[in-house]
PDB file of N, CA and C in Angstrom:
ATOM      1  N   MET A   1     125.101  80.454  44.140  1.00  0.00           N
ATOM      2  CA  MET A   1     124.760  81.502  43.407  1.00  0.00           C
ATOM      3  C   MET A   1     125.784  82.481  42.915  1.00  0.00           C
ATOM      4  N   SER A   2     125.275  83.088  41.615  1.00  0.00           N
ATOM      5  CA  SER A   2     126.628  83.859  41.009  1.00  0.00           C
ATOM      6  C   SER A   2     126.485  85.176  41.187  1.00  0.00           C
ATOM      7  N   LYS A   3     127.894  85.510  41.562  1.00  0.00           N
ATOM      8  CA  LYS A   3     127.836  87.097  41.967  1.00  0.00           C
ATOM      9  C   LYS A   3     127.386  87.912  40.690  1.00  0.00           C
ATOM     10  N   PRO A   4     126.437  89.180  41.209  1.00  0.00           N
ATOM     11  CA  PRO A   4     125.813  90.259  40.135  1.00  0.00           C
ATOM     12  C   PRO A   4     127.209  90.638  39.749  1.00  0.00           C
ATOM     13  N   THR A   5     127.268  90.837  37.710  1.00  0.00           N
ATOM     14  CA  THR A   5     128.044  91.689  36.887  1.00  0.00           C
ATOM     15  C   THR A   5     127.921  92.837  36.687  1.00  0.00           C
ATOM     16  N   ILE A   6     129.104  93.475  37.081  1.00  0.00           N
ATOM     17  CA  ILE A   6     128.648  95.206  36.907  1.00  0.00           C
ATOM     18  C   ILE A   6     129.811  95.419  35.718  1.00  0.00           C
ATOM     19  N   LEU A   7     128.896  96.453  34.764  1.00  0.00           N
ATOM     20  CA  LEU A   7     130.039  97.176  33.590  1.00  0.00           C
ATOM     21  C   LEU A   7     130.477  98.047  34.198  1.00  0.00           C
ATOM     22  N   VAL A   8     131.908  98.482  34.378  1.00  0.00           N
ATOM     23  CA  VAL A   8     132.300 100.040  34.385  1.00  0.00           C
ATOM     24  C   VAL A   8     132.460 100.576  33.335  1.00  0.00           C
ATOM     25  N   VAL A   9     132.129 101.736  33.402  1.00  0.00           N
ATOM     26  CA  VAL A   9     132.326 102.252  32.175  1.00  0.00           C
ATOM     27  C   VAL A   9     133.580 103.357  32.449  1.00  0.00           C
ATOM     28  N   GLU A  10     134.889 103.692  32.373  1.00  0.00           N
ATOM     29  CA  GLU A  10     135.221 104.932  32.623  1.00  0.00           C
ATOM     30  C   GLU A  10     136.669 105.244  32.258  1.00  0.00           C
ATOM     31  N   ASP A  11     136.980 106.106  31.771  1.00  0.00           N
ATOM     32  CA  ASP A  11     137.761 106.338  30.498  1.00  0.00           C
ATOM     33  C   ASP A  11     139.452 106.555  31.614  1.00  0.00           C
ATOM     34  N   GLU A  12     139.249 107.330  32.835  1.00  0.00           N
ATOM     35  CA  GLU A  12     140.448 107.185  33.381  1.00  0.00           C
ATOM     36  C   GLU A  12     140.898 106.090  34.036  1.00  0.00           C
ATOM     37  N   SER A  13     141.919 105.704  33.763  1.00  0.00           N
ATOM     38  CA  SER A  13     142.735 104.369  34.115  1.00  0.00           C
ATOM     39  C   SER A  13     142.736 104.143  35.283  1.00  0.00           C
ATOM     40  N   LEU A  14     142.969 104.736  36.495  1.00  0.00           N
ATOM     41  CA  LEU A  14     143.378 104.800  37.690  1.00  0.00           C
ATOM     42  C   LEU A  14     141.955 105.041  38.109  1.00  0.00           C
ATOM     43  N   ILE A  15     141.425 105.359  37.637  1.00  0.00           N
ATOM     44  CA  ILE A  15     139.920 105.418  38.470  1.00  0.00           C
ATOM     45  C   ILE A  15     139.246 104.286  38.689  1.00  0.00           C
ATOM     46  N   ARG A  16     139.474 104.068  36.800  1.00  0.00           N
ATOM     47  CA  ARG A  16     138.705 102.487  36.651  1.00  0.00           C
ATOM     48  C   ARG A  16     139.093 101.678  37.621  1.00  0.00           C
ATOM     49  N   LEU A  17     140.993 101.286  37.397  1.00  0.00           N
ATOM     50  CA  LEU A  17     141.198 100.584  38.438  1.00  0.00           C
ATOM     51  C   LEU A  17     140.674 100.529  40.012  1.00  0.00           C
ATOM     52  N   ASP A  18     140.764 101.384  40.450  1.00  0.00           N
ATOM     53  CA  ASP A  18     140.301 101.443  41.742  1.00  0.00           C
ATOM     54  C   ASP A  18     139.024 101.506  42.123  1.00  0.00           C
ATOM     55  N   THR A  19     138.319 101.411  41.355  1.00  0.00           N
ATOM     56  CA  THR A  19     136.562 101.061  41.348  1.00  0.00           C
ATOM     57  C   THR A  19     136.504  99.765  40.971  1.00  0.00           C
ATOM     58  N   VAL A  20     137.119  99.170  40.356  1.00  0.00           N
ATOM     59  CA  VAL A  20     136.891  97.320  40.216  1.00  0.00           C
ATOM     60  C   VAL A  20     137.200  97.104  41.122  1.00  0.00           C
ATOM     61  N   ASP A  21     139.006  97.211  41.861  1.00  0.00           N
ATOM     62  CA  ASP A  21     139.324  96.434  42.977  1.00  0.00           C
ATOM     63  C   ASP A  21     137.958  96.609  43.905  1.00  0.00           C
ATOM     64  N   ARG A  22     137.284  97.938  44.340  1.00  0.00           N
ATOM     65  CA  ARG A  22     136.678  98.214  45.468  1.00  0.00           C
ATOM     66  C   ARG A  22     135.606  97.077  45.282  1.00  0.00           C
ATOM     67  N   LEU A  23     134.707  97.069  43.689  1.00  0.00           N
ATOM     68  CA  LEU A  23     134.081  96.220  43.286  1.00  0.00           C
ATOM     69  C   LEU A  23     133.917  94.494  43.969  1.00  0.00           C
ATOM     70  N   GLU A  24     135.263  94.689  43.444  1.00  0.00           N
ATOM     71  CA  GLU A  24     135.026  93.151  43.376  1.00  0.00           C
ATOM     72  C   GLU A  24     135.750  92.934  45.248  1.00  0.00           C
ATOM     73  N   GLU A  25     136.165  93.731  45.296  1.00  0.00           N
ATOM     74  CA  GLU A  25     136.206  93.131  47.157  1.00  0.00           C
ATOM     75  C   GLU A  25     135.272  92.809  47.760  1.00  0.00           C
ATOM     76  N   GLU A  26     133.978  93.973  47.067  1.00  0.00           N
ATOM     77  CA  GLU A  26     132.556  93.564  47.825  1.00  0.00           C
ATOM     78  C   GLU A  26     131.860  92.757  47.343  1.00  0.00           C
ATOM     79  N   GLY A  27     132.173  91.696  46.510  1.00  0.00           N
ATOM     80  CA  GLY A  27     131.769  90.750  45.869  1.00  0.00           C
ATOM     81  C   GLY A  27     130.966  90.260  44.517  1.00  0.00           C
ATOM     82  N   PHE A  28     131.563  91.561  44.062  1.00  0.00           N
ATOM     83  CA  PHE A  28     130.973  91.733  42.466  1.00  0.00           C
ATOM     84  C   PHE A  28     131.782  91.142  41.191  1.00  0.00           C
ATOM     85  N   GLU A  29     131.530  90.310  40.180  1.00  0.00           N
ATOM     86  CA  GLU A  29     132.171  90.452  38.859  1.00  0.00           C
ATOM     87  C   GLU A  29     132.413  91.675  38.587  1.00  0.00           C
ATOM     88  N   VAL A  30     133.035  92.004  37.746  1.00  0.00           N
ATOM     89  CA  VAL A  30     133.200  93.449  36.869  1.00  0.00           C
ATOM     90  C   VAL A  30     134.017  93.076  36.161  1.00  0.00           C
ATOM     91  N   ILE A  31     133.084  93.884  34.901  1.00  0.00           N
ATOM     92  CA  ILE A  31     133.871  93.720  33.298  1.00  0.00           C
ATOM     93  C   ILE A  31     133.797  95.229  33.358  1.00  0.00           C
ATOM     94  N   GLU A  32     135.110  95.262  32.288  1.00  0.00           N
ATOM     95  CA  GLU A  32     135.560  96.763  32.174  1.00  0.00           C
ATOM     96  C   GLU A  32     135.880  97.784  30.877  1.00  0.00           C
ATOM     97  N   ALA A  33     134.888  98.496  30.812  1.00  0.00           N
ATOM     98  CA  ALA A  33     134.801  99.549  29.141  1.00  0.00           C
ATOM     99  C   ALA A  33     135.564 100.842  29.597  1.00  0.00           C
ATOM    100  N   GLY A  34     136.396 101.257  28.196  1.00  0.00           N
ATOM    101  CA  GLY A  34     136.993 102.897  28.290  1.00  0.00           C
ATOM    102  C   GLY A  34     136.405 104.007  27.550  1.00  0.00           C
ATOM    103  N   ASP A  35     135.429 103.460  27.178  1.00  0.00           N
ATOM    104  CA  ASP A  35     134.183 104.617  26.618  1.00  0.00           C
ATOM    105  C   ASP A  35     132.798 103.633  26.401  1.00  0.00           C
ATOM    106  N   ALA A  36     131.844 104.647  26.030  1.00  0.00           N
ATOM    107  CA  ALA A  36     130.662 103.830  25.386  1.00  0.00           C
ATOM    108  C   ALA A  36     130.489 103.001  24.563  1.00  0.00           C
ATOM    109  N   ASP A  37     131.033 103.300  23.630  1.00  0.00           N
ATOM    110  CA  ASP A  37     131.181 102.550  22.393  1.00  0.00           C
ATOM    111  C   ASP A  37     131.848 101.108  22.679  1.00  0.00           C
ATOM    112  N   GLU A  38     132.520 100.964  23.883  1.00  0.00           N
ATOM    113  CA  GLU A  38     133.456  99.701  23.917  1.00  0.00           C
ATOM    114  C   GLU A  38     131.983  98.886  24.698  1.00  0.00           C
ATOM    115  N   ALA A  39     131.604  99.481  25.952  1.00  0.00           N
ATOM    116  CA  ALA A  39     130.037  99.053  26.545  1.00  0.00           C
ATOM    117  C   ALA A  39     129.202  98.941  25.814  1.00  0.00           C
ATOM    118  N   ILE A  40     128.836  99.281  24.833  1.00  0.00           N
ATOM    119  CA  ILE A  40     128.014  98.810  23.862  1.00  0.00           C
ATOM    120  C   ILE A  40     128.281  97.477  23.437  1.00  0.00           C
ATOM    121  N   ARG A  41     129.412  97.317  22.475  1.00  0.00           N
ATOM    122  CA  ARG A  41     129.762  96.571  22.335  1.00  0.00           C
ATOM    123  C   ARG A  41     129.764  94.902  23.249  1.00  0.00           C
ATOM    124  N   ILE A  42     130.356  95.439  24.453  1.00  0.00           N
ATOM    125  CA  ILE A  42     130.007  94.633  25.694  1.00  0.00           C
ATOM    126  C   ILE A  42     128.635  94.161  25.713  1.00  0.00           C
ATOM    127  N   LEU A  43     128.037  94.802  26.169  1.00  0.00           N
ATOM    128  CA  LEU A  43     126.660  94.708  26.403  1.00  0.00           C
ATOM    129  C   LEU A  43     125.903  93.896  25.224  1.00  0.00           C
ATOM    130  N   GLU A  44     125.984  93.807  24.150  1.00  0.00           N
ATOM    131  CA  GLU A  44     125.768  93.488  22.721  1.00  0.00           C
ATOM    132  C   GLU A  44     125.824  92.160  22.780  1.00  0.00           C
ATOM    133  N   THR A  45     127.094  91.202  23.496  1.00  0.00           N
ATOM    134  CA  THR A  45     127.235  89.884  23.552  1.00  0.00           C
ATOM    135  C   THR A  45     126.647  89.326  23.951  1.00  0.00           C
ATOM    136  N   GLY A  46     125.838  89.431  25.011  1.00  0.00           N
ATOM    137  CA  GLY A  46     124.801  89.011  25.820  1.00  0.00           C
ATOM    138  C   GLY A  46     125.415  88.873  26.926  1.00  0.00           C
ATOM    139  N   THR A  47     126.461  89.081  27.892  1.00  0.00           N
ATOM    140  CA  THR A  47     126.484  89.034  28.621  1.00  0.00           C
ATOM    141  C   THR A  47     125.562  89.079  29.942  1.00  0.00           C
ATOM    142  N   GLN A  48     125.235  88.421  30.969  1.00  0.00           N
ATOM    143  CA  GLN A  48     124.501  89.035  31.972  1.00  0.00           C
ATOM    144  C   GLN A  48     125.162  90.112  32.843  1.00  0.00           C
ATOM    145  N   ILE A  49     124.976  91.230  32.713  1.00  0.00           N
ATOM    146  CA  ILE A  49     125.047  92.764  33.018  1.00  0.00           C
ATOM    147  C   ILE A  49     124.013  92.963  34.062  1.00  0.00           C
ATOM    148  N   ARG A  50     124.293  93.142  35.494  1.00  0.00           N
ATOM    149  CA  ARG A  50     123.219  93.617  36.447  1.00  0.00           C
ATOM    150  C   ARG A  50     122.848  95.342  36.176  1.00  0.00           C
ATOM    151  N   ILE A  51     124.060  95.527  36.468  1.00  0.00           N
ATOM    152  CA  ILE A  51     124.341  97.010  36.915  1.00  0.00           C
ATOM    153  C   ILE A  51     124.919  97.508  35.338  1.00  0.00           C
ATOM    154  N   LEU A  52     125.219  98.981  35.205  1.00  0.00           N
ATOM    155  CA  LEU A  52     125.687  99.673  34.644  1.00  0.00           C
ATOM    156  C   LEU A  52     126.281 100.508  34.924  1.00  0.00           C
ATOM    157  N   PHE A  53     127.543 100.917  35.135  1.00  0.00           N
ATOM    158  CA  PHE A  53     128.310 101.917  36.190  1.00  0.00           C
ATOM    159  C   PHE A  53     128.837 102.868  34.920  1.00  0.00           C
ATOM    160  N   THR A  54     128.599 104.170  34.677  1.00  0.00           N
ATOM    161  CA  THR A  54     129.177 104.846  34.029  1.00  0.00           C
ATOM    162  C   THR A  54     129.572 106.110  34.451  1.00  0.00           C
ATOM    163  N   ASP A  55     130.686 106.502  33.640  1.00  0.00           N
ATOM    164  CA  ASP A  55     131.180 107.725  34.009  1.00  0.00           C
ATOM    165  C   ASP A  55     130.439 108.948  33.378  1.00  0.00           C
ATOM    166  N   VAL A  56     129.935 110.289  33.099  1.00  0.00           N
ATOM    167  CA  VAL A  56     129.629 111.021  32.188  1.00  0.00           C
ATOM    168  C   VAL A  56     130.507 111.382  31.284  1.00  0.00           C
ATOM    169  N   GLU A  57     131.443 111.999  31.100  1.00  0.00           N
ATOM    170  CA  GLU A  57     132.563 112.585  30.121  1.00  0.00           C
ATOM    171  C   GLU A  57     133.544 111.661  29.952  1.00  0.00           C
ATOM    172  N   MET A  58     133.436 110.926  28.413  1.00  0.00           N
ATOM    173  CA  MET A  58     134.592 110.728  28.221  1.00  0.00           C
ATOM    174  C   MET A  58     134.461 111.007  26.543  1.00  0.00           C
ATOM    175  N   PRO A  59     135.782 110.553  26.389  1.00  0.00           N
ATOM    176  CA  PRO A  59     136.075 110.194  24.737  1.00  0.00           C
ATOM    177  C   PRO A  59     135.057 109.116  23.918  1.00  0.00           C
ATOM    178  N   GLY A  60     134.815 109.584  22.740  1.00  0.00           N
ATOM    179  CA  GLY A  60     134.211 108.191  21.755  1.00  0.00           C
ATOM    180  C   GLY A  60     132.357 109.194  21.303  1.00  0.00           C
ATOM    181  N   SER A  61     131.607 108.321  20.686  1.00  0.00           N
ATOM    182  CA  SER A  61     130.572 108.933  20.188  1.00  0.00           C
ATOM    183  C   SER A  61     129.748 109.710  21.096  1.00  0.00           C
ATOM    184  N   MET A  62     129.379 109.268  22.461  1.00  0.00           N
ATOM    185  CA  MET A  62     128.394 109.629  23.241  1.00  0.00           C
ATOM    186  C   MET A  62     129.102 109.406  24.484  1.00  0.00           C
ATOM    187  N   ASP A  63     128.422 110.101  25.535  1.00  0.00           N
ATOM    188  CA  ASP A  63     128.866 110.495  27.018  1.00  0.00           C
ATOM    189  C   ASP A  63     128.322 109.674  27.833  1.00  0.00           C
ATOM    190  N   GLY A  64     128.328 109.535  28.952  1.00  0.00           N
ATOM    191  CA  GLY A  64     127.826 108.379  29.799  1.00  0.00           C
ATOM    192  C   GLY A  64     125.886 108.515  30.194  1.00  0.00           C
ATOM    193  N   PHE A  65     125.483 109.935  29.935  1.00  0.00           N
ATOM    194  CA  PHE A  65     124.213 110.223  29.766  1.00  0.00           C
ATOM    195  C   PHE A  65     123.549 109.311  28.602  1.00  0.00           C
ATOM    196  N   ALA A  66     124.367 109.462  27.278  1.00  0.00           N
ATOM    197  CA  ALA A  66     123.267 108.967  26.097  1.00  0.00           C
ATOM    198  C   ALA A  66     123.355 107.058  26.613  1.00  0.00           C
ATOM    199  N   LEU A  67     124.737 107.219  26.938  1.00  0.00           N
ATOM    200  CA  LEU A  67     124.774 105.694  27.240  1.00  0.00           C
ATOM    201  C   LEU A  67     123.675 105.049  27.866  1.00  0.00           C
ATOM    202  N   ALA A  68     123.253 105.705  28.945  1.00  0.00           N
ATOM    203  CA  ALA A  68     122.227 105.313  29.811  1.00  0.00           C
ATOM    204  C   ALA A  68     121.197 105.485  29.133  1.00  0.00           C
ATOM    205  N   ARG A  69     120.928 106.436  27.990  1.00  0.00           N
ATOM    206  CA  ARG A  69     119.702 105.736  27.862  1.00  0.00           C
ATOM    207  C   ARG A  69     119.162 105.218  27.105  1.00  0.00           C
ATOM    208  N   ILE A  70     120.634 104.194  25.999  1.00  0.00           N
ATOM    209  CA  ILE A  70     120.387 104.114  24.930  1.00  0.00           C
ATOM    210  C   ILE A  70     120.212 101.870  25.974  1.00  0.00           C
ATOM    211  N   ALA A  71     121.197 102.302  26.851  1.00  0.00           N
ATOM    212  CA  ALA A  71     121.650 100.636  27.893  1.00  0.00           C
ATOM    213  C   ALA A  71     119.426 100.363  28.019  1.00  0.00           C
ATOM    214  N   ARG A  72     118.827 101.747  28.997  1.00  0.00           N
ATOM    215  CA  ARG A  72     117.703 101.790  29.184  1.00  0.00           C
ATOM    216  C   ARG A  72     116.604 100.707  28.100  1.00  0.00           C
ATOM    217  N   ASP A  73     116.814 101.579  27.055  1.00  0.00           N
ATOM    218  CA  ASP A  73     116.162 101.676  25.815  1.00  0.00           C
ATOM    219  C   ASP A  73     116.273 100.028  25.390  1.00  0.00           C
ATOM    220  N   ARG A  74     117.536  99.239  25.027  1.00  0.00           N
ATOM    221  CA  ARG A  74     117.726  98.625  24.504  1.00  0.00           C
ATOM    222  C   ARG A  74     118.167  97.145  25.770  1.00  0.00           C
ATOM    223  N   TRP A  75     118.784  97.778  26.835  1.00  0.00           N
ATOM    224  CA  TRP A  75     118.722  96.416  27.312  1.00  0.00           C
ATOM    225  C   TRP A  75     117.937  96.535  29.521  1.00  0.00           C
ATOM    226  N   PRO A  76     116.332  96.525  29.191  1.00  0.00           N
ATOM    227  CA  PRO A  76     115.600  97.410  30.332  1.00  0.00           C
ATOM    228  C   PRO A  76     116.219  96.537  31.467  1.00  0.00           C
ATOM    229  N   PRO A  77     116.034  95.344  31.738  1.00  0.00           N
ATOM    230  CA  PRO A  77     116.337  94.981  32.746  1.00  0.00           C
ATOM    231  C   PRO A  77     118.071  95.589  33.848  1.00  0.00           C
ATOM    232  N   VAL A  78     118.503  96.129  32.946  1.00  0.00           N
ATOM    233  CA  VAL A  78     120.075  96.351  33.690  1.00  0.00           C
ATOM    234  C   VAL A  78     120.000  97.738  34.160  1.00  0.00           C
ATOM    235  N   GLU A  79     120.204  97.771  35.582  1.00  0.00           N
ATOM    236  CA  GLU A  79     120.057  98.800  36.162  1.00  0.00           C
ATOM    237  C   GLU A  79     121.429  99.639  35.835  1.00  0.00           C
ATOM    238  N   ILE A  80     121.190 100.868  36.435  1.00  0.00           N
ATOM    239  CA  ILE A  80     122.107 102.064  35.715  1.00  0.00           C
ATOM    240  C   ILE A  80     122.750 103.237  36.572  1.00  0.00           C
ATOM    241  N   VAL A  81     124.149 103.274  37.169  1.00  0.00           N
ATOM    242  CA  VAL A  81     124.098 103.922  37.850  1.00  0.00           C
ATOM    243  C   VAL A  81     125.520 105.097  37.053  1.00  0.00           C
ATOM    244  N   VAL A  82     124.736 106.268  37.010  1.00  0.00           N
ATOM    245  CA  VAL A  82     125.695 107.210  36.312  1.00  0.00           C
ATOM    246  C   VAL A  82     126.440 108.092  37.784  1.00  0.00           C
ATOM    247  N   ALA A  83     127.971 108.567  36.914  1.00  0.00           N
ATOM    248  CA  ALA A  83     128.760 109.245  37.691  1.00  0.00           C
ATOM    249  C   ALA A  83     129.497 110.487  37.274  1.00  0.00           C
ATOM    250  N   SER A  84     129.280 111.316  37.907  1.00  0.00           N
ATOM    251  CA  SER A  84     130.311 112.917  37.699  1.00  0.00           C
ATOM    252  C   SER A  84     131.237 113.819  38.754  1.00  0.00           C
ATOM    253  N   GLY A  85     132.398 113.981  38.827  1.00  0.00           N
ATOM    254  CA  GLY A  85     132.767 115.074  39.162  1.00  0.00           C
ATOM    255  C   GLY A  85     132.478 116.611  38.621  1.00  0.00           C
ATOM    256  N   ARG A  86     132.044 117.092  37.392  1.00  0.00           N
ATOM    257  CA  ARG A  86     132.579 117.769  36.987  1.00  0.00           C
ATOM    258  C   ARG A  86     130.220 118.205  36.469  1.00  0.00           C
ATOM    259  N   ARG A  87     129.632 117.093  36.361  1.00  0.00           N
ATOM    260  CA  ARG A  87     128.095 117.178  35.738  1.00  0.00           C
ATOM    261  C   ARG A  87     126.984 116.630  36.764  1.00  0.00           C
ATOM    262  N   GLN A  88     126.399 117.916  36.846  1.00  0.00           N
ATOM    263  CA  GLN A  88     124.578 117.121  37.821  1.00  0.00           C
ATOM    264  C   GLN A  88     123.617 116.589  36.678  1.00  0.00           C
ATOM    265  N   PRO A  89     123.031 116.087  36.714  1.00  0.00           N
ATOM    266  CA  PRO A  89     122.423 115.678  36.149  1.00  0.00           C
ATOM    267  C   PRO A  89     121.014 116.447  36.148  1.00  0.00           C
ATOM    268  N   ASP A  90     120.254 117.103  35.135  1.00  0.00           N
ATOM    269  CA  ASP A  90     118.774 117.071  35.172  1.00  0.00           C
ATOM    270  C   ASP A  90     118.049 116.174  34.891  1.00  0.00           C
ATOM    271  N   GLU A  91     116.448 116.300  35.570  1.00  0.00           N
ATOM    272  CA  GLU A  91     115.810 115.400  35.594  1.00  0.00           C
ATOM    273  C   GLU A  91     115.476 114.713  33.872  1.00  0.00           C
ATOM    274  N   ALA A  92     115.583 115.291  32.857  1.00  0.00           N
ATOM    275  CA  ALA A  92     116.074 114.632  31.618  1.00  0.00           C
ATOM    276  C   ALA A  92     117.033 113.445  31.396  1.00  0.00           C
ATOM    277  N   SER A  93     118.389 114.372  31.769  1.00  0.00           N
ATOM    278  CA  SER A  93     119.584 113.161  31.611  1.00  0.00           C
ATOM    279  C   SER A  93     119.168 111.625  32.126  1.00  0.00           C
ATOM    280  N   LEU A  94     118.516 111.810  33.479  1.00  0.00           N
ATOM    281  CA  LEU A  94     118.735 109.998  33.821  1.00  0.00           C
ATOM    282  C   LEU A  94     117.870 109.668  33.245  1.00  0.00           C
ATOM    283  N   PRO A  95     117.977 108.012  32.778  1.00  0.00           N
ATOM    284  CA  PRO A  95     116.298 107.543  32.432  1.00  0.00           C
ATOM    285  C   PRO A  95     115.749 107.030  33.852  1.00  0.00           C
ATOM    286  N   ASP A  96     114.838 106.170  32.793  1.00  0.00           N
ATOM    287  CA  ASP A  96     113.903 105.277  34.136  1.00  0.00           C
ATOM    288  C   ASP A  96     115.001 104.555  35.458  1.00  0.00           C
ATOM    289  N   ARG A  97     114.692 104.473  36.609  1.00  0.00           N
ATOM    290  CA  ARG A  97     115.118 103.950  37.717  1.00  0.00           C
ATOM    291  C   ARG A  97     117.001 104.374  37.517  1.00  0.00           C
ATOM    292  N   GLY A  98     117.259 105.191  36.985  1.00  0.00           N
ATOM    293  CA  GLY A  98     118.552 105.700  37.037  1.00  0.00           C
ATOM    294  C   GLY A  98     118.994 106.563  38.181  1.00  0.00           C
ATOM    295  N   GLN A  99     120.530 105.737  38.643  1.00  0.00           N
ATOM    296  CA  GLN A  99     120.861 106.999  39.833  1.00  0.00           C
ATOM    297  C   GLN A  99     122.094 107.477  39.409  1.00  0.00           C
ATOM    298  N   PHE A 100     122.155 108.469  40.372  1.00  0.00           N
ATOM    299  CA  PHE A 100     123.231 109.346  40.243  1.00  0.00           C
ATOM    300  C   PHE A 100     124.061 109.564  41.031  1.00  0.00           C
ATOM    301  N   PHE A 101     125.742 109.371  41.294  1.00  0.00           N
ATOM    302  CA  PHE A 101     126.713 109.582  41.983  1.00  0.00           C
ATOM    303  C   PHE A 101     128.022 110.420  41.919  1.00  0.00           C
ATOM    304  N   GLY A 102     128.290 111.696  42.406  1.00  0.00           N
ATOM    305  CA  GLY A 102     128.788 112.770  42.601  1.00  0.00           C
ATOM    306  C   GLY A 102     130.388 112.144  42.666  1.00  0.00           C
ATOM    307  N   LYS A 103     131.536 112.702  42.155  1.00  0.00           N
ATOM    308  CA  LYS A 103     132.865 112.063  42.294  1.00  0.00           C
ATOM    309  C   LYS A 103     133.581 113.484  43.255  1.00  0.00           C
ATOM    310  N   PRO A 104     134.543 113.308  44.010  1.00  0.00           N
ATOM    311  CA  PRO A 104     135.122 112.075  44.579  1.00  0.00           C
ATOM    312  C   PRO A 104     133.471 110.953  45.357  1.00  0.00           C
ATOM    313  N   TYR A 105     133.952 109.554  45.465  1.00  0.00           N
ATOM    314  CA  TYR A 105     132.600 108.959  45.676  1.00  0.00           C
ATOM    315  C   TYR A 105     132.187 108.755  47.188  1.00  0.00           C
ATOM    316  N   ASP A 106     131.422 108.789  47.695  1.00  0.00           N
ATOM    317  CA  ASP A 106     130.590 108.752  49.090  1.00  0.00           C
ATOM    318  C   ASP A 106     130.899 106.820  48.983  1.00  0.00           C
ATOM    319  N   TRP A 107     131.820 106.107  49.452  1.00  0.00           N
ATOM    320  CA  TRP A 107     132.109 104.973  48.959  1.00  0.00           C
ATOM    321  C   TRP A 107     131.214 103.708  49.781  1.00  0.00           C
ATOM    322  N   PRO A 108     130.901 104.182  51.300  1.00  0.00           N
ATOM    323  CA  PRO A 108     129.891 103.402  51.627  1.00  0.00           C
ATOM    324  C   PRO A 108     128.522 103.503  50.808  1.00  0.00           C
ATOM    325  N   ALA A 109     127.752 105.020  50.503  1.00  0.00           N
ATOM    326  CA  ALA A 109     126.454 105.515  49.841  1.00  0.00           C
ATOM    327  C   ALA A 109     126.314 104.895  48.700  1.00  0.00           C
ATOM    328  N   LEU A 110     127.323 104.765  48.244  1.00  0.00           N
ATOM    329  CA  LEU A 110     127.746 103.746  46.448  1.00  0.00           C
ATOM    330  C   LEU A 110     127.206 102.464  46.594  1.00  0.00           C
ATOM    331  N   MET A 111     128.503 101.997  47.630  1.00  0.00           N
ATOM    332  CA  MET A 111     128.068 100.226  47.645  1.00  0.00           C
ATOM    333  C   MET A 111     127.074  99.717  48.157  1.00  0.00           C
ATOM    334  N   SER A 112     125.992 100.535  49.260  1.00  0.00           N
ATOM    335  CA  SER A 112     125.035 100.592  49.929  1.00  0.00           C
ATOM    336  C   SER A 112     124.026  99.989  48.555  1.00  0.00           C
ATOM    337  N   THR A 113     124.019 101.668  47.642  1.00  0.00           N
ATOM    338  CA  THR A 113     123.213 101.252  46.829  1.00  0.00           C
ATOM    339  C   THR A 113     123.055 100.467  45.596  1.00  0.00           C
ATOM    340  N   LEU A 114     124.569  99.955  45.165  1.00  0.00           N
ATOM    341  CA  LEU A 114     125.109  98.715  44.335  1.00  0.00           C
ATOM    342  C   LEU A 114     124.397  97.314  44.579  1.00  0.00           C
ATOM    343  N   HIS A 115     124.455  97.618  46.108  1.00  0.00           N
ATOM    344  CA  HIS A 115     124.249  96.000  46.260  1.00  0.00           C
ATOM    345  C   HIS A 115     122.406  96.184  46.673  1.00  0.00           C
ATOM    346  N   LYS A 116     121.861  96.820  46.755  1.00  0.00           N
ATOM    347  CA  LYS A 116     120.448  97.085  46.606  1.00  0.00           C
ATOM    348  C   LYS A 116     119.613  96.507  45.612  1.00  0.00           C
ATOM    349  N   ILE A 117     120.830  97.468  44.316  1.00  0.00           N
ATOM    350  CA  ILE A 117     120.139  97.393  43.127  1.00  0.00           C
ATOM    351  C   ILE A 117     120.659  95.659  42.651  1.00  0.00           C
ATOM    352  N   ALA A 118     121.595  95.470  42.891  1.00  0.00           N
ATOM    353  CA  ALA A 118     122.316  94.490  42.249  1.00  0.00           C
ATOM    354  C   ALA A 118     121.163  92.832  42.245  1.00  0.00           C
ATOM    355  N   LYS A 119     120.088  93.144  43.539  1.00  0.00           N
ATOM    356  CA  LYS A 119     119.226  91.730  43.826  1.00  0.00           C
ATOM    357  C   LYS A 119     117.918  91.854  42.952  1.00  0.00           C
TER     358      LYS A 119
END
């Protein structure tokens, strides 16, 4: 059985590196992107992404909320987790089935959620 793949979209390289390390330790395959535009290019390759895990505030043409809505529209099977240390989502910000986690992460709760939605 192959490992579920998570696309981590985070512009802060140290946070991204820590997140990738923790996810790999939990048994996930991880692909990294530094902004939403790069994430869309990766999604467009047809790689079987199971979960999109994105920060909200990033440089580039869109934030994580916009990326989440585009991903839901274009890749409906992909599960979506949005994270921010500064902004809380309102009801319209998250797409259907979208999850939100604040920073700093509650790692046990985050990993539990990721394992549940990866199935």
